[in-house]
């Protein structure tokens, strides 16, 4: 068979044609990828118009799974009756949200993530909860400066000063611009959720550094009637207003949620004016509940604001109150803390021969106690009692704790010795050396165990 022969001219034409087809194909791929981003299918900014009244928000599907039948997800009785609401902000979301998608939100069928910036993270839509705040407020209030820059330029509008990760104080984070804006999110979350899913029995609010033990929460909620008006959390107070601390988790029943939403709808201007003069959005939420005659149901220490490393698991005055109480939330959890707690929790449930709640005692004995060594340099174990007798040296501080039979731990930094009758792990801190009396701590565990009854807090 004769083969067709192409001369140099024809070969050049063929090369140009191939290049043209390739450019057209690349242009198509570029357009298609942009369309995918705009519809929220890939990570990045979404096409949500920040200046318009956006369509109704839809809840997320965990890890993109459409059936909710996820591998490694143990049955969670009643989880379908709950709407989980996660609040975050652009200055922290990329650091704090991804770990939740791999752990605490992995098996949750109904959840939504609200922020001050619409984007997708790990394939999950993050919604701008401030989109429907009145424009005059956005223009007039200085805390909306960061929000307006995000609307205009996306993440490119953030400046280094926006990323201030200052520690929390009794007055929040007054130097953090994202935190100052945060107070406006609470009531607008309520409005958005009611438009999205108004039929859930319970609404559970979380933050980027909050950790929920879902099985324990569900066991608690099975003891309660969502037809009653419940506003549940760990108490905090500003002035005369007692409210649920947001970072410790907030749980709201169906009836309470609907009553609050009606109040917000009819008193929006008044509540916006109140918000302007406040610095804590969870306090604003608590005040709105008081307006409709719903007071806080205290749930501490089930819902509480410490990490496992800082929590007082026992005594000297509250041995059984904390020790035998189910764990529902932790706060100030870094991504590494969330992973560590998640792995411990999954292993703990796997090892149970019969269904029972995880207690603070279980977390201390199984997770915290094994990490309490003899002496640890550059470590602060949060000892509280100042002791002058041991302040001259590390050796004297350690000797003082050894001599005092009630002492479970000590910490020393130059010129300061502190001891404690309660063992805590704490966290790293340069210049501090910490030590523990492991045998005494183990004896305390034996003394307090097993719990004769479970201390469910009556909310």
Protein backbone atom coordinates (compact mmCIF):
# COMPACT_ATOMS: atom_id res chain seq x y z
CA UNK A 1 0.00 0.00 0.00
CA UNK A 2 1.30 3.46 -0.87
CA UNK A 3 1.72 5.86 2.06
CA UNK A 4 0.81 9.52 1.65
CA UNK A 5 3.86 11.76 1.76
CA UNK A 6 3.63 15.34 3.18
CA UNK A 7 6.07 17.99 2.16
CA UNK A 8 7.47 20.67 4.55
CA UNK A 9 4.66 23.11 3.70
CA UNK A 10 1.89 20.61 4.49
CA UNK A 11 3.64 19.56 7.68
CA UNK A 12 3.72 23.22 8.77
CA UNK A 13 0.00 23.62 8.09
CA UNK A 14 -0.72 20.49 10.12
CA UNK A 15 1.36 21.81 13.05
CA UNK A 16 -0.47 25.17 13.04
CA UNK A 17 -3.83 23.38 12.95
CA UNK A 18 -2.85 21.21 15.91
CA UNK A 19 -1.75 24.29 17.89
CA UNK A 20 -5.04 26.05 17.11
CA UNK A 21 -7.13 23.07 18.26
CA UNK A 22 -5.01 22.81 21.42
CA UNK A 23 -5.57 26.49 22.27
CA UNK A 24 -9.31 26.12 21.78
CA UNK A 25 -9.34 23.07 24.06
CA UNK A 26 -7.34 24.88 26.78
CA UNK A 27 -9.73 27.83 26.59
CA UNK A 28 -12.67 25.44 27.05
CA UNK A 29 -11.03 23.81 30.08
CA UNK A 30 -10.30 27.22 31.58
CA UNK A 31 -13.92 28.31 31.14
CA UNK A 32 -15.22 25.01 32.54
CA UNK A 33 -12.97 25.25 35.62
CA UNK A 34 -14.14 28.80 36.28
CA UNK A 35 -17.74 27.65 36.07
CA UNK A 36 -17.02 24.87 38.54
CA UNK A 37 -15.50 27.32 40.98
CA UNK A 38 -18.45 29.65 40.65
CA UNK A 39 -20.84 26.86 41.52
CA UNK A 40 -18.85 25.97 44.62
CA UNK A 41 -17.49 22.61 43.43
CA UNK A 42 -13.83 23.44 44.06
CA UNK A 43 -11.96 25.32 46.74
CA UNK A 44 -11.91 29.07 46.33
CA UNK A 45 -14.21 32.04 46.28
CA UNK A 46 -17.78 31.42 45.18
CA UNK A 47 -19.96 33.40 42.80
CA UNK A 48 -22.32 34.47 45.58
CA UNK A 49 -23.15 38.14 45.01
CA UNK A 50 -22.33 39.88 48.30
CA UNK A 51 -24.43 42.91 47.43
CA UNK A 52 -27.69 41.07 46.76
CA UNK A 53 -30.26 39.29 48.88
CA UNK A 54 -28.98 35.79 48.14
CA UNK A 55 -31.12 32.71 47.60
CA UNK A 56 -31.91 30.35 50.45
CA UNK A 57 -28.86 28.60 51.84
CA UNK A 58 -28.75 24.80 51.70
CA UNK A 59 -27.14 22.63 54.40
CA UNK A 60 -23.85 20.95 53.62
CA UNK A 61 -23.35 17.26 52.92
CA UNK A 62 -20.42 15.81 54.87
CA UNK A 63 -17.37 15.21 52.66
CA UNK A 64 -19.57 15.39 49.58
CA UNK A 65 -21.23 12.05 50.40
CA UNK A 66 -24.81 12.13 49.12
CA UNK A 67 -26.03 9.11 51.07
CA UNK A 68 -24.59 10.00 54.48
CA UNK A 69 -23.36 6.38 54.60
CA UNK A 70 -19.77 7.21 55.47
CA UNK A 71 -17.07 4.68 56.22
CA UNK A 72 -16.05 4.53 59.92
CA UNK A 73 -19.21 6.33 61.05
CA UNK A 74 -20.80 4.62 64.02
CA UNK A 75 -24.59 4.92 64.44
CA UNK A 76 -25.63 8.16 66.13
CA UNK A 77 -29.22 7.74 67.30
CA UNK A 78 -31.16 10.96 66.75
CA UNK A 79 -28.52 12.79 64.72
CA UNK A 80 -30.97 13.30 61.82
CA UNK A 81 -33.10 15.47 64.13
CA UNK A 82 -30.26 17.94 64.72
CA UNK A 83 -28.97 20.90 62.71
CA UNK A 84 -25.34 21.70 63.45
CA UNK A 85 -24.25 25.30 62.88
CA UNK A 86 -20.53 26.14 62.75
CA UNK A 87 -19.48 29.79 63.06
CA UNK A 88 -16.10 30.92 61.78
CA UNK A 89 -14.44 33.88 60.02
CA UNK A 90 -12.13 34.49 57.08
CA UNK A 91 -9.13 35.14 59.31
CA UNK A 92 -9.30 31.66 60.86
CA UNK A 93 -11.38 29.41 58.61
CA UNK A 94 -8.56 27.94 56.52
CA UNK A 95 -6.71 26.92 59.68
CA UNK A 96 -9.64 25.65 61.76
CA UNK A 97 -12.33 24.22 59.46
CA UNK A 98 -10.50 21.50 57.46
CA UNK A 99 -9.78 19.36 60.53
CA UNK A 100 -13.48 19.34 61.47
CA UNK A 101 -14.41 18.08 58.00
CA UNK A 102 -12.12 15.09 58.61
CA UNK A 103 -13.27 14.46 62.19
CA UNK A 104 -16.16 16.06 64.12
CA UNK A 105 -18.32 16.85 61.06
CA UNK A 106 -17.44 13.70 59.16
CA UNK A 107 -20.56 11.82 60.21
CA UNK A 108 -23.02 14.70 60.66
CA UNK A 109 -25.79 14.62 58.02
CA UNK A 110 -27.06 18.19 58.54
CA UNK A 111 -24.64 21.04 59.08
CA UNK A 112 -23.89 24.51 57.78
CA UNK A 113 -20.80 26.69 58.09
CA UNK A 114 -21.31 30.44 58.48
CA UNK A 115 -18.57 33.03 58.10
CA UNK A 116 -18.01 36.62 57.04
CA UNK A 117 -16.79 35.44 53.62
CA UNK A 118 -18.36 33.06 51.09
CA UNK A 119 -15.93 30.40 49.86
CA UNK A 120 -15.50 26.65 49.63
CA UNK A 121 -13.20 24.72 51.95
CA UNK A 122 -12.53 21.05 51.35
CA UNK A 123 -15.41 20.91 48.90
CA UNK A 124 -17.88 22.30 51.46
CA UNK A 125 -19.64 25.63 50.95
CA UNK A 126 -18.96 28.28 53.59
CA UNK A 127 -21.68 30.94 53.62
CA UNK A 128 -21.53 34.68 54.21
CA UNK A 129 -23.94 35.10 57.12
CA UNK A 130 -23.61 38.90 57.04
CA UNK A 131 -24.84 39.23 53.46
CA UNK A 132 -28.25 40.54 54.56
CA UNK A 133 -27.08 43.02 57.18
CA UNK A 134 -28.41 46.44 56.20
CA UNK A 135 -25.98 48.32 53.95
CA UNK A 136 -26.00 51.52 56.08
CA UNK A 137 -24.68 49.44 59.00
CA UNK A 138 -21.96 47.90 56.85
CA UNK A 139 -20.86 51.35 55.73
CA UNK A 140 -21.10 53.09 59.10
CA UNK A 141 -19.73 50.59 61.62
CA UNK A 142 -15.91 50.41 61.75
CA UNK A 143 -15.85 46.67 62.44
CA UNK A 144 -17.22 46.09 58.92
CA UNK A 145 -14.01 47.44 57.35
CA UNK A 146 -12.54 43.95 57.05
CA UNK A 147 -15.84 42.61 55.70
CA UNK A 148 -16.08 45.29 53.02
CA UNK A 149 -12.51 44.58 51.92
CA UNK A 150 -13.36 40.89 51.65
CA UNK A 151 -16.43 41.73 49.55
CA UNK A 152 -14.37 43.91 47.26
CA UNK A 153 -11.21 41.85 46.83
CA UNK A 154 -11.71 38.43 48.38
CA UNK A 155 -8.87 37.08 50.49
CA UNK A 156 -6.50 39.42 48.65
CA UNK A 157 -8.20 42.21 50.62
CA UNK A 158 -6.86 40.91 53.93
CA UNK A 159 -3.81 42.64 55.39
CA UNK A 160 -1.31 41.30 57.99
CA UNK A 161 -3.02 43.22 60.79
CA UNK A 162 -6.23 41.26 60.16
CA UNK A 163 -4.54 38.00 61.11
CA UNK A 164 -3.89 38.96 64.74
CA UNK A 165 -4.21 35.74 66.72
CA UNK A 166 -4.17 37.44 70.10
CA UNK A 167 -5.14 35.30 73.11
CA UNK A 168 -8.61 35.53 74.59
CA UNK A 169 -9.14 37.88 77.53
CA UNK A 170 -12.15 38.37 79.84
CA UNK A 171 -13.23 40.92 77.23
CA UNK A 172 -12.74 38.65 74.21
CA UNK A 173 -10.12 39.57 71.60
CA UNK A 174 -10.31 43.37 71.34
CA UNK A 175 -7.22 43.55 69.10
CA UNK A 176 -8.57 41.05 66.57
CA UNK A 177 -10.53 42.70 63.73
CA UNK A 178 -12.33 39.51 62.76
CA UNK A 179 -13.42 38.98 66.35
CA UNK A 180 -14.84 42.53 66.55
CA UNK A 181 -17.02 41.76 63.52
CA UNK A 182 -18.12 38.43 64.99
CA UNK A 183 -20.82 39.93 67.22
CA UNK A 184 -23.01 40.62 64.18
CA UNK A 185 -23.20 36.95 63.15
CA UNK A 186 -25.29 35.46 65.96
CA UNK A 187 -28.76 36.84 65.27
CA UNK A 188 -28.27 36.65 61.51
CA UNK A 189 -27.39 32.97 61.85
CA UNK A 190 -30.77 32.43 63.47
CA UNK A 191 -32.56 34.10 60.56
CA UNK A 192 -30.64 32.14 57.92
CA UNK A 193 -31.18 28.80 59.64
CA UNK A 194 -34.91 29.33 59.98
CA UNK A 195 -35.13 30.02 56.25
CA UNK A 196 -33.05 26.92 55.55
CA UNK A 197 -34.34 24.23 57.92
CA UNK A 198 -37.04 25.21 60.38
CA UNK A 199 -38.18 21.67 61.15
CA UNK A 200 -35.30 20.27 63.23
CA UNK A 201 -35.81 19.22 66.84
CA UNK A 202 -32.53 20.75 68.00
CA UNK A 203 -30.07 23.38 66.76
CA UNK A 204 -26.49 22.94 67.92
CA UNK A 205 -24.02 25.82 67.61
CA UNK A 206 -20.27 25.34 67.41
CA UNK A 207 -17.16 27.37 66.61
CA UNK A 208 -13.90 26.60 64.85
CA UNK A 209 -12.17 25.61 68.09
CA UNK A 210 -15.12 23.79 69.70
CA UNK A 211 -15.20 20.00 70.03
CA UNK A 212 -18.44 18.04 70.52
CA UNK A 213 -18.74 14.49 71.81
CA UNK A 214 -21.82 13.76 69.71
CA UNK A 215 -22.94 10.54 71.39
CA UNK A 216 -23.03 12.23 74.77
CA UNK A 217 -24.90 15.24 73.40
CA UNK A 218 -27.50 12.99 71.82
CA UNK A 219 -27.88 11.03 75.06
CA UNK A 220 -28.49 14.32 76.89
CA UNK A 221 -31.05 15.51 74.34
CA UNK A 222 -32.98 12.25 74.53
CA UNK A 223 -33.71 13.20 78.13
CA UNK A 224 -35.32 16.49 77.02
CA UNK A 225 -38.39 17.53 75.04
CA UNK A 226 -37.66 19.80 72.04
CA UNK A 227 -41.24 21.02 72.34
CA UNK A 228 -40.16 22.87 75.47
CA UNK A 229 -38.20 26.13 75.23
CA UNK A 230 -34.57 25.17 75.91
CA UNK A 231 -31.55 27.47 75.58
CA UNK A 232 -28.65 25.39 76.90
CA UNK A 233 -25.00 26.21 77.49
CA UNK A 234 -22.16 27.14 79.81
CA UNK A 235 -23.01 30.37 81.66
CA UNK A 236 -21.23 33.67 81.17
CA UNK A 237 -22.28 37.13 82.29
CA UNK A 238 -21.87 40.71 81.09
CA UNK A 239 -23.62 43.27 83.26
CA UNK A 240 -27.01 41.86 84.19
CA UNK A 241 -27.20 39.51 81.19
CA UNK A 242 -26.48 35.82 81.78
CA UNK A 243 -25.96 33.98 78.50
CA UNK A 244 -24.49 30.83 76.95
CA UNK A 245 -20.80 31.17 76.14
CA UNK A 246 -20.51 30.63 72.39
CA UNK A 247 -17.19 28.80 72.29
CA UNK A 248 -18.42 26.23 74.81
CA UNK A 249 -21.32 25.32 72.54
CA UNK A 250 -24.97 26.36 72.51
CA UNK A 251 -27.98 24.05 72.13
CA UNK A 252 -31.44 25.43 71.27
CA UNK A 253 -34.69 23.48 71.09
CA UNK A 254 -37.19 23.68 68.22
CA UNK A 255 -39.67 25.71 70.25
CA UNK A 256 -37.10 28.17 71.58
CA UNK A 257 -35.62 28.65 68.12
CA UNK A 258 -38.97 29.51 66.56
CA UNK A 259 -39.89 31.91 69.34
CA UNK A 260 -36.54 33.66 69.00
CA UNK A 261 -36.76 33.85 65.21
CA UNK A 262 -40.17 35.53 65.40
CA UNK A 263 -38.76 38.11 67.83
CA UNK A 264 -35.78 38.84 65.59
CA UNK A 265 -38.06 39.27 62.57
CA UNK A 266 -40.26 41.81 64.36
CA UNK A 267 -37.53 43.66 66.31
CA UNK A 268 -34.63 43.64 63.84
CA UNK A 269 -33.87 47.37 63.97
CA UNK A 270 -33.97 47.46 67.76
CA UNK A 271 -31.69 44.41 68.03
CA UNK A 272 -29.22 45.85 65.51
CA UNK A 273 -29.03 49.00 67.62
CA UNK A 274 -28.39 46.89 70.71
CA UNK A 275 -25.67 44.92 68.90
CA UNK A 276 -23.84 48.14 67.99
CA UNK A 277 -23.25 48.90 71.66
CA UNK A 278 -22.08 45.39 72.63
CA UNK A 279 -18.79 43.55 72.13
CA UNK A 280 -19.96 39.92 72.50
CA UNK A 281 -22.41 38.36 70.07
CA UNK A 282 -23.25 35.49 72.40
CA UNK A 283 -24.37 38.11 74.92
CA UNK A 284 -26.56 39.69 72.23
CA UNK A 285 -28.12 36.27 71.62
CA UNK A 286 -28.71 35.79 75.34
CA UNK A 287 -30.38 39.19 75.61
CA UNK A 288 -32.70 38.33 72.72
CA UNK A 289 -33.70 35.12 74.51
CA UNK A 290 -34.43 37.07 77.67
CA UNK A 291 -36.64 39.38 75.60
CA UNK A 292 -38.89 36.41 74.80
CA UNK A 293 -38.86 35.04 78.34
CA UNK A 294 -36.36 32.20 77.86
CA UNK A 295 -33.53 32.04 80.38
CA UNK A 296 -30.37 29.99 80.10
CA UNK A 297 -30.35 26.35 81.21
CA UNK A 298 -26.93 25.78 82.79
CA UNK A 299 -25.11 22.69 81.46
CA UNK A 300 -21.60 23.14 82.86
CA UNK A 301 -19.43 21.03 83.18
CA UNK A 302 -20.97 18.97 80.36
CA UNK A 303 -20.68 21.98 78.06
CA UNK A 304 -17.64 23.95 79.18
CA UNK A 305 -14.85 26.20 77.93
CA UNK A 306 -11.56 24.38 78.59
CA UNK A 307 -9.47 21.84 76.70
CA UNK A 308 -8.88 18.35 78.16
CA UNK A 309 -5.40 19.58 79.10
CA UNK A 310 -6.72 22.50 81.18
CA UNK A 311 -9.95 21.12 82.64
CA UNK A 312 -10.19 20.44 86.41
CA UNK A 313 -11.18 16.77 86.27
CA UNK A 314 -11.31 16.38 90.05
CA UNK A 315 -11.06 18.12 93.48
CA UNK A 316 -10.26 19.31 95.88
CA UNK A 317 -13.91 20.40 96.35
CA UNK A 318 -15.59 19.05 93.21
CA UNK A 319 -14.34 15.47 92.88
CA UNK A 320 -17.55 13.72 91.87
CA UNK A 321 -19.21 16.75 90.28
CA UNK A 322 -16.70 16.83 87.44
CA UNK A 323 -15.29 13.30 87.54
CA UNK A 324 -18.58 11.45 86.97
CA UNK A 325 -20.14 13.97 84.54
CA UNK A 326 -20.46 13.18 80.80
CA UNK A 327 -18.27 15.20 78.44
CA UNK A 328 -20.17 17.15 75.77
CA UNK A 329 -17.84 19.98 74.68
CA UNK A 330 -14.31 21.32 74.85
CA UNK A 331 -13.18 24.77 73.73
CA UNK A 332 -9.92 26.42 72.58
CA UNK A 333 -9.06 23.21 70.74
CA UNK A 334 -6.26 23.56 68.20
CA UNK A 335 -6.39 21.33 65.09
CA UNK A 336 -3.84 18.97 66.66
CA UNK A 337 -5.96 18.78 69.84
CA UNK A 338 -9.06 17.95 67.80
CA UNK A 339 -7.27 15.12 66.00
CA UNK A 340 -5.89 13.73 69.28
CA UNK A 341 -9.26 13.87 71.02
CA UNK A 342 -11.05 12.41 67.99
CA UNK A 343 -8.71 9.42 67.82
CA UNK A 344 -9.03 8.82 71.55
CA UNK A 345 -12.81 9.11 71.42
CA UNK A 346 -13.21 6.65 68.52
CA UNK A 347 -10.97 4.12 70.24
CA UNK A 348 -12.82 4.56 73.53
CA UNK A 349 -16.23 3.86 71.99
CA UNK A 350 -14.83 0.82 70.17
CA UNK A 351 -13.61 -0.60 73.48
CA UNK A 352 -16.92 -0.35 75.33
CA UNK A 353 -18.73 -3.62 75.98
CA UNK A 354 -21.99 -1.81 76.71
CA UNK A 355 -23.35 1.60 75.85
CA UNK A 356 -22.60 4.28 78.43
CA UNK A 357 -21.57 7.94 78.19
CA UNK A 358 -17.94 9.01 78.13
CA UNK A 359 -17.21 10.75 81.44
CA UNK A 360 -14.61 13.36 82.31
CA UNK A 361 -13.08 10.53 84.35
CA UNK A 362 -12.58 8.46 81.19
CA UNK A 363 -10.82 11.29 79.38
CA UNK A 364 -8.50 11.95 82.31
CA UNK A 365 -7.60 8.31 82.89
CA UNK A 366 -7.26 7.33 79.23
CA UNK A 367 -5.94 10.49 77.54
CA UNK A 368 -4.53 12.95 80.09
CA UNK A 369 -2.93 10.78 82.78
CA UNK A 370 -0.67 8.79 80.40
CA UNK A 371 0.93 12.11 79.34
CA UNK A 372 1.86 13.20 82.86
CA UNK A 373 5.55 12.43 83.24
CA UNK A 374 7.94 13.10 86.10
CA UNK A 375 9.51 16.37 84.92
CA UNK A 376 9.04 18.33 81.70
CA UNK A 377 11.10 21.36 80.68
CA UNK A 378 9.58 24.33 78.84
CA UNK A 379 6.14 23.23 79.98
CA UNK A 380 3.38 24.94 82.03
CA UNK A 381 1.04 22.54 83.84
CA UNK A 382 -1.14 25.35 85.23
CA UNK A 383 -0.33 24.91 88.90
CA UNK A 384 -2.12 27.61 90.88
CA UNK A 385 -0.82 27.85 94.48
CA UNK A 386 2.18 30.14 95.02
CA UNK A 387 4.79 28.75 97.45
CA UNK A 388 7.60 30.99 98.66
CA UNK A 389 9.38 28.10 100.34
CA UNK A 390 10.16 26.52 96.98
CA UNK A 391 10.79 29.70 95.00
CA UNK A 392 14.61 29.68 95.29
CA UNK A 393 15.19 26.79 92.87
CA UNK A 394 13.58 24.02 90.84
CA UNK A 395 14.94 21.44 93.28
CA UNK A 396 13.36 23.18 96.27
CA UNK A 397 10.05 23.51 94.44
CA UNK A 398 10.04 19.79 93.61
CA UNK A 399 11.01 18.94 97.20
CA UNK A 400 8.18 21.10 98.57
CA UNK A 401 5.63 19.24 96.43
CA UNK A 402 7.07 15.87 97.47
CA UNK A 403 6.82 16.82 101.17
CA UNK A 404 3.17 17.96 100.87
CA UNK A 405 1.17 14.74 100.52
CA UNK A 406 -1.74 16.65 98.94
CA UNK A 407 0.46 18.05 96.16
CA UNK A 408 -0.11 16.42 92.77
CA UNK A 409 2.02 18.70 90.62
CA UNK A 410 4.30 21.75 90.57
CA UNK A 411 5.72 24.27 88.11
CA UNK A 412 8.81 26.43 88.44
CA UNK A 413 10.16 29.45 86.64
CA UNK A 414 12.89 31.74 87.85
CA UNK A 415 11.93 32.94 91.34
CA UNK A 416 8.43 31.40 91.34
CA UNK A 417 7.20 28.01 92.57
CA UNK A 418 3.58 26.94 92.21
CA UNK A 419 1.90 23.72 93.31
CA UNK A 420 -1.55 22.19 92.91
CA UNK A 421 -3.73 19.48 94.44
CA UNK A 422 -5.20 18.79 90.98
CA UNK A 423 -3.25 17.32 88.06
CA UNK A 424 -3.47 18.94 84.64
CA UNK A 425 -1.29 18.46 81.59
CA UNK A 426 -1.17 22.07 80.42
CA UNK A 427 0.81 23.20 77.37
CA UNK A 428 4.28 24.20 76.26
CA UNK A 429 5.76 27.43 77.61
CA UNK A 430 9.44 28.41 77.39
CA UNK A 431 11.23 29.01 80.68
CA UNK A 432 8.87 26.93 82.84
CA UNK A 433 9.57 23.44 84.18
CA UNK A 434 6.71 21.25 85.40
CA UNK A 435 6.56 18.04 87.37
CA UNK A 436 3.90 15.58 88.58
CA UNK A 437 3.53 13.08 91.44
CA UNK A 438 2.32 10.17 89.31
CA UNK A 439 1.73 7.72 92.17
CA UNK A 440 -0.48 10.16 94.05
CA UNK A 441 -2.44 10.93 90.90
CA UNK A 442 -2.94 7.22 90.23
CA UNK A 443 -4.13 6.73 93.81
CA UNK A 444 -6.68 9.52 93.25
CA UNK A 445 -7.97 7.76 90.15
CA UNK A 446 -8.42 4.55 92.13
CA UNK A 447 -10.13 6.46 94.97
CA UNK A 448 -12.67 8.09 92.65
CA UNK A 449 -13.37 5.06 90.46
CA UNK A 450 -15.65 3.58 89.43
CA UNK A 451 -18.45 6.12 89.36
CA UNK A 452 -21.46 4.76 91.21
CA UNK A 453 -23.81 6.98 89.20
CA UNK A 454 -23.63 9.30 86.21
CA UNK A 455 -23.98 12.97 87.00
CA UNK A 456 -26.29 14.22 84.25
CA UNK A 457 -26.74 17.95 84.84
CA UNK A 458 -30.42 18.84 85.20
CA UNK A 459 -30.96 21.52 82.60
